[in-house]
Amino acid sequence: MALLELQNIVKSFQKDGASVRVLDDVFLSVEEGKCLGLVGQSGCGKSTLARIASRLTDADSGRILFDGSDITEVKGNELRPVYDRMQMVFQQPEASFDPRRLLGWSISEPLRRHGVSESECRERTAQLLTEVGLEPAYAERYPHEVSGGECQRAAIARALALRPKLLICDEITSALDVTIQREITALIRSLIDKGMTCLFITHDLALLPDVADSIAVMEKGRIVETGNVEDITSHPQSSAARELLEAGLFEEGFEE
């Protein structure tokens, strides 16, 4: 059963006075309890698709179905219950934290919005930090006092605060070194194994065998291939997937 389904998504932007289509009739389905890896070169439209899926950007046309409801036209305060069940984690986690606030304050902010008491917030924050592999003491640190990998773990903890059903991860490892990339993908995989659903967006095919159940390959705003991880990494059918492999993105130890 699909938890998230994008149907016939079209999106264009204005550039130099001309309309440039960045998404062209995209269909994508993320099965509940599974991880779909969306892979493609930079500029292919995958991050725009993520922002449309999470209702941060409107599509020109098409439908977005999430958890049994059509959320294509949902806006404003009506999105709050959607965001309780869907959370997005971004490429640059430090930019999503208030530099003037402790990490613990930011992680627990969604809980406070739902009326959770301060004592319960502290307890839940400690649990979340432990769940993502950080000591509870990290709640007393500022974003600039932790490493990039630690900040990304804290961002994942915040995304998990309301126990969402879906995580959309947009290039969350691209700014990290190879060792930390593996640790973060292992963390995401452990969440999926516990029942989380994930759309994992990356330009790096090397990460997907560790985290994804299936892959969708995007090229120039279109999905050009879908299948299970082994088939696409071993026997790619599209030129886009072959180019990713031939470029060395599937070699162990590749680092951008």
Protein backbone atom coordinates (compact mmCIF):
# COMPACT_ATOMS: atom_id res chain seq x y z
CA MET A 1 0.00 0.00 0.00
CA ALA A 2 1.36 3.42 -0.96
CA LEU A 3 1.73 5.94 1.86
CA LEU A 4 2.80 8.69 -0.55
CA GLU A 5 1.82 8.88 -4.20
CA LEU A 6 2.71 11.62 -6.65
CA GLN A 7 0.64 11.54 -9.83
CA ASN A 8 1.46 13.34 -13.07
CA ILE A 9 3.43 16.11 -11.35
CA VAL A 10 4.41 19.02 -13.60
CA LYS A 11 6.43 22.04 -12.51
CA SER A 12 8.00 24.91 -14.44
CA PHE A 13 10.01 27.94 -13.37
CA GLN A 14 10.75 31.20 -15.10
CA LYS A 15 14.37 31.66 -16.17
CA ASP A 16 15.63 34.57 -18.24
CA GLY A 17 12.08 35.38 -19.26
CA ALA A 18 11.33 31.86 -20.47
CA SER A 19 9.40 29.01 -18.85
CA VAL A 20 11.64 26.03 -18.05
CA ARG A 21 9.96 22.74 -17.17
CA VAL A 22 11.79 21.04 -14.31
CA LEU A 23 9.30 18.23 -13.65
CA ASP A 24 7.53 16.56 -16.54
CA ASP A 25 4.61 14.25 -15.73
CA VAL A 26 6.30 12.56 -12.75
CA PHE A 27 4.68 9.58 -11.08
CA LEU A 28 6.21 8.26 -7.86
CA SER A 29 4.91 5.87 -5.21
CA VAL A 30 6.41 5.20 -1.76
CA GLU A 31 5.16 2.03 -0.12
CA GLU A 32 4.30 2.13 3.57
CA GLY A 33 7.09 0.75 5.75
CA LYS A 34 9.61 0.88 2.90
CA CYS A 35 12.33 3.20 1.64
CA LEU A 36 12.34 4.49 -1.91
CA GLY A 37 15.66 5.89 -3.07
CA LEU A 38 15.26 8.71 -5.58
CA VAL A 39 18.55 9.19 -7.41
CA GLY A 40 19.74 11.52 -10.13
CA GLN A 41 22.38 14.03 -11.06
CA SER A 42 22.27 17.53 -9.60
CA GLY A 43 19.69 19.68 -11.34
CA CYS A 44 17.47 16.81 -12.47
CA GLY A 45 14.53 18.04 -10.36
CA LYS A 46 14.58 15.63 -7.44
CA SER A 47 14.76 18.30 -4.71
CA THR A 48 11.93 20.23 -6.37
CA LEU A 49 9.90 17.03 -6.30
CA ALA A 50 10.66 16.63 -2.59
CA ARG A 51 9.45 20.16 -1.87
CA ILE A 52 6.26 19.50 -3.82
CA ALA A 53 5.68 16.21 -1.99
CA SER A 54 6.04 18.01 1.35
CA ARG A 55 3.81 20.91 0.18
CA LEU A 56 6.60 23.46 0.52
CA THR A 57 6.19 24.20 -3.20
CA ASP A 58 3.05 24.01 -5.33
CA ALA A 59 2.99 21.87 -8.47
CA ASP A 60 1.61 23.37 -11.67
CA SER A 61 -0.51 20.27 -12.09
CA GLY A 62 -0.85 16.74 -10.77
CA ARG A 63 -1.98 15.20 -7.48
CA ILE A 64 -0.32 14.43 -4.14
CA LEU A 65 -1.88 11.63 -2.13
CA PHE A 66 -0.64 11.05 1.40
CA ASP A 67 -1.88 8.59 4.00
CA GLY A 68 -5.18 8.15 2.22
CA SER A 69 -5.91 11.85 1.57
CA ASP A 70 -5.45 14.21 -1.36
CA ILE A 71 -3.24 17.02 -0.03
CA THR A 72 -2.60 18.74 -3.37
CA GLU A 73 -4.47 21.91 -2.46
CA VAL A 74 -4.03 21.86 1.31
CA LYS A 75 -2.53 25.10 2.63
CA GLY A 76 -1.86 27.11 5.78
CA ASN A 77 -3.10 25.79 9.09
CA GLU A 78 -4.70 22.80 7.36
CA LEU A 79 -1.18 21.49 6.73
CA ARG A 80 -0.43 21.11 10.44
CA PRO A 81 -1.91 17.61 10.79
CA VAL A 82 -0.12 16.63 7.57
CA TYR A 83 3.21 17.74 9.02
CA ASP A 84 2.51 15.78 12.18
CA ARG A 85 2.71 12.67 9.98
CA MET A 86 5.26 13.83 7.38
CA GLN A 87 8.63 15.39 8.15
CA MET A 88 11.48 16.55 5.93
CA VAL A 89 15.19 16.48 6.74
CA PHE A 90 17.40 18.83 4.73
CA GLN A 91 20.92 18.80 3.32
CA GLN A 92 22.29 21.55 5.58
CA PRO A 93 20.92 20.81 9.08
CA GLU A 94 22.65 23.74 10.77
CA ALA A 95 20.67 26.15 8.57
CA SER A 96 17.40 24.69 9.90
CA PHE A 97 18.29 25.27 13.56
CA ASP A 98 18.01 28.59 15.39
CA PRO A 99 21.65 29.39 16.25
CA ARG A 100 20.50 31.22 19.39
CA ARG A 101 18.71 28.18 20.78
CA LEU A 102 20.05 24.99 22.33
CA LEU A 103 19.56 21.83 20.29
CA GLY A 104 17.26 20.46 22.98
CA TRP A 105 14.97 23.46 22.68
CA SER A 106 14.72 23.04 18.90
CA ILE A 107 14.19 19.28 19.07
CA SER A 108 11.35 19.68 21.55
CA GLU A 109 9.72 22.68 19.83
CA PRO A 110 7.18 20.50 17.93
CA LEU A 111 6.17 18.93 21.22
CA ARG A 112 5.61 22.29 22.91
CA ARG A 113 3.37 23.33 20.01
CA HIS A 114 1.21 20.35 20.90
CA GLY A 115 0.94 21.30 24.55
CA VAL A 116 3.45 18.84 25.97
CA SER A 117 4.75 19.91 29.39
CA GLU A 118 8.36 21.04 29.85
CA SER A 119 9.23 17.99 31.94
CA GLU A 120 7.80 15.66 29.33
CA CYS A 121 9.63 17.60 26.60
CA ARG A 122 12.95 17.09 28.38
CA GLU A 123 12.28 13.39 28.81
CA ARG A 124 11.20 12.91 25.20
CA THR A 125 14.19 14.93 23.93
CA ALA A 126 16.59 12.68 25.84
CA GLN A 127 14.87 9.64 24.32
CA LEU A 128 15.10 11.09 20.82
CA LEU A 129 18.79 11.94 21.16
CA THR A 130 19.50 8.43 22.36
CA GLU A 131 17.50 6.99 19.49
CA VAL A 132 19.65 8.81 16.92
CA GLY A 133 22.92 7.87 18.60
CA LEU A 134 23.66 10.99 20.64
CA GLU A 135 24.07 11.41 24.37
CA PRO A 136 21.20 13.29 26.09
CA ALA A 137 23.76 15.93 27.07
CA TYR A 138 23.72 17.17 23.46
CA ALA A 139 20.45 18.88 24.34
CA GLU A 140 22.56 21.52 26.11
CA ARG A 141 24.69 22.33 23.07
CA TYR A 142 24.23 24.94 20.38
CA PRO A 143 24.25 24.01 16.68
CA HIS A 144 27.72 25.51 16.16
CA GLU A 145 29.13 23.37 18.97
CA VAL A 146 28.57 20.04 17.20
CA SER A 147 29.92 18.42 14.06
CA GLY A 148 28.00 18.19 10.79
CA GLY A 149 27.12 14.55 11.42
CA GLU A 150 25.98 15.28 14.97
CA CYS A 151 23.89 18.19 13.76
CA GLN A 152 22.25 15.95 11.16
CA ARG A 153 21.45 13.39 13.86
CA ALA A 154 19.87 16.17 15.92
CA ALA A 155 17.82 17.23 12.89
CA ILE A 156 16.59 13.66 12.50
CA ALA A 157 15.71 13.60 16.21
CA ARG A 158 13.62 16.75 15.77
CA ALA A 159 11.89 15.23 12.74
CA LEU A 160 10.99 12.18 14.84
CA ALA A 161 9.55 14.18 17.74
CA LEU A 162 5.90 13.74 16.72
CA ARG A 163 6.40 10.14 15.55
CA PRO A 164 5.68 10.82 11.85
CA LYS A 165 4.83 8.07 9.40
CA LEU A 166 7.02 9.44 6.59
CA LEU A 167 10.50 10.96 6.47
CA ILE A 168 11.60 12.79 3.32
CA CYS A 169 15.40 12.97 3.37
CA ASP A 170 16.79 15.41 0.80
CA GLU A 171 20.53 14.86 0.21
CA ILE A 172 21.05 14.54 3.96
CA THR A 173 24.50 12.94 3.59
CA SER A 174 25.99 15.00 0.75
CA ALA A 175 27.85 17.42 3.04
CA LEU A 176 29.30 14.62 5.19
CA ASP A 177 32.39 12.46 4.80
CA VAL A 178 32.06 8.84 3.72
CA THR A 179 32.25 7.32 7.20
CA ILE A 180 29.57 9.62 8.60
CA GLN A 181 27.43 9.02 5.49
CA ARG A 182 27.38 5.32 6.30
CA GLU A 183 26.45 6.00 9.91
CA ILE A 184 23.54 8.24 8.91
CA THR A 185 22.21 5.78 6.32
CA ALA A 186 22.46 3.00 8.93
CA LEU A 187 20.43 5.17 11.31
CA ILE A 188 17.76 5.79 8.67
CA ARG A 189 17.65 2.09 7.82
CA SER A 190 17.15 1.21 11.50
CA LEU A 191 14.15 3.56 11.61
CA ILE A 192 12.68 1.93 8.50
CA ASP A 193 13.15 -1.51 10.03
CA LYS A 194 11.06 -0.26 12.97
CA GLY A 195 8.20 0.77 10.66
CA MET A 196 9.15 4.19 9.31
CA THR A 197 8.50 5.02 5.64
CA CYS A 198 11.17 7.02 3.83
CA LEU A 199 11.77 8.86 0.58
CA PHE A 200 15.58 9.07 0.44
CA ILE A 201 16.87 11.52 -2.16
CA THR A 202 20.49 11.43 -3.27
CA HIS A 203 22.86 11.77 -6.22
CA ASP A 204 24.95 8.86 -4.89
CA LEU A 205 23.93 5.35 -5.88
CA ALA A 206 26.55 3.95 -3.51
CA LEU A 207 24.36 4.81 -0.51
CA LEU A 208 21.18 3.14 -1.67
CA PRO A 209 21.97 -0.56 -1.10
CA ASP A 210 22.42 0.32 2.58
CA VAL A 211 19.13 2.14 3.01
CA ALA A 212 16.63 1.65 0.17
CA ASP A 213 14.23 -1.14 -0.75
CA SER A 214 13.68 0.20 -4.27
CA ILE A 215 15.06 2.91 -6.54
CA ALA A 216 13.62 5.49 -8.91
CA VAL A 217 16.09 7.11 -11.31
CA MET A 218 15.39 10.68 -12.41
CA GLU A 219 16.80 12.47 -15.44
CA LYS A 220 15.87 15.93 -16.69
CA GLY A 221 12.65 16.08 -14.72
CA ARG A 222 11.36 12.61 -15.55
CA ILE A 223 11.47 9.20 -13.88
CA VAL A 224 13.34 7.04 -16.38
CA GLU A 225 13.71 3.79 -14.43
CA THR A 226 12.32 2.10 -11.33
CA GLY A 227 13.08 -1.23 -9.73
CA ASN A 228 14.66 -2.99 -6.80
CA VAL A 229 18.11 -1.97 -5.64
CA GLU A 230 19.99 -5.01 -6.91
CA ASP A 231 18.51 -4.86 -10.40
CA ILE A 232 19.29 -1.19 -10.93
CA THR A 233 22.78 -1.26 -9.43
CA SER A 234 23.71 -4.49 -11.23
CA HIS A 235 21.75 -4.26 -14.48
CA PRO A 236 20.70 -0.64 -15.11
CA GLN A 237 18.36 -0.21 -18.06
CA SER A 238 18.38 3.58 -18.41
CA SER A 239 21.26 5.66 -19.69
CA ALA A 240 20.90 7.87 -16.59
CA ALA A 241 21.54 4.96 -14.21
CA ARG A 242 24.41 3.68 -16.35
CA GLU A 243 26.00 7.13 -16.37
CA LEU A 244 25.80 7.33 -12.59
CA LEU A 245 27.53 3.98 -12.31
CA GLU A 246 30.12 4.75 -14.97
CA ALA A 247 30.90 8.08 -13.32
CA GLY A 248 32.14 6.16 -10.31
CA LEU A 249 29.33 7.05 -7.95
CA PHE A 250 28.96 3.38 -7.07
CA GLU A 251 32.60 2.87 -6.14
CA GLU A 252 33.33 2.22 -2.49
CA GLY A 253 34.87 5.23 -0.88
CA PHE A 254 33.64 7.79 -3.41
CA GLU A 255 33.45 11.24 -1.86
CA GLU A 256 32.11 14.36 -3.52
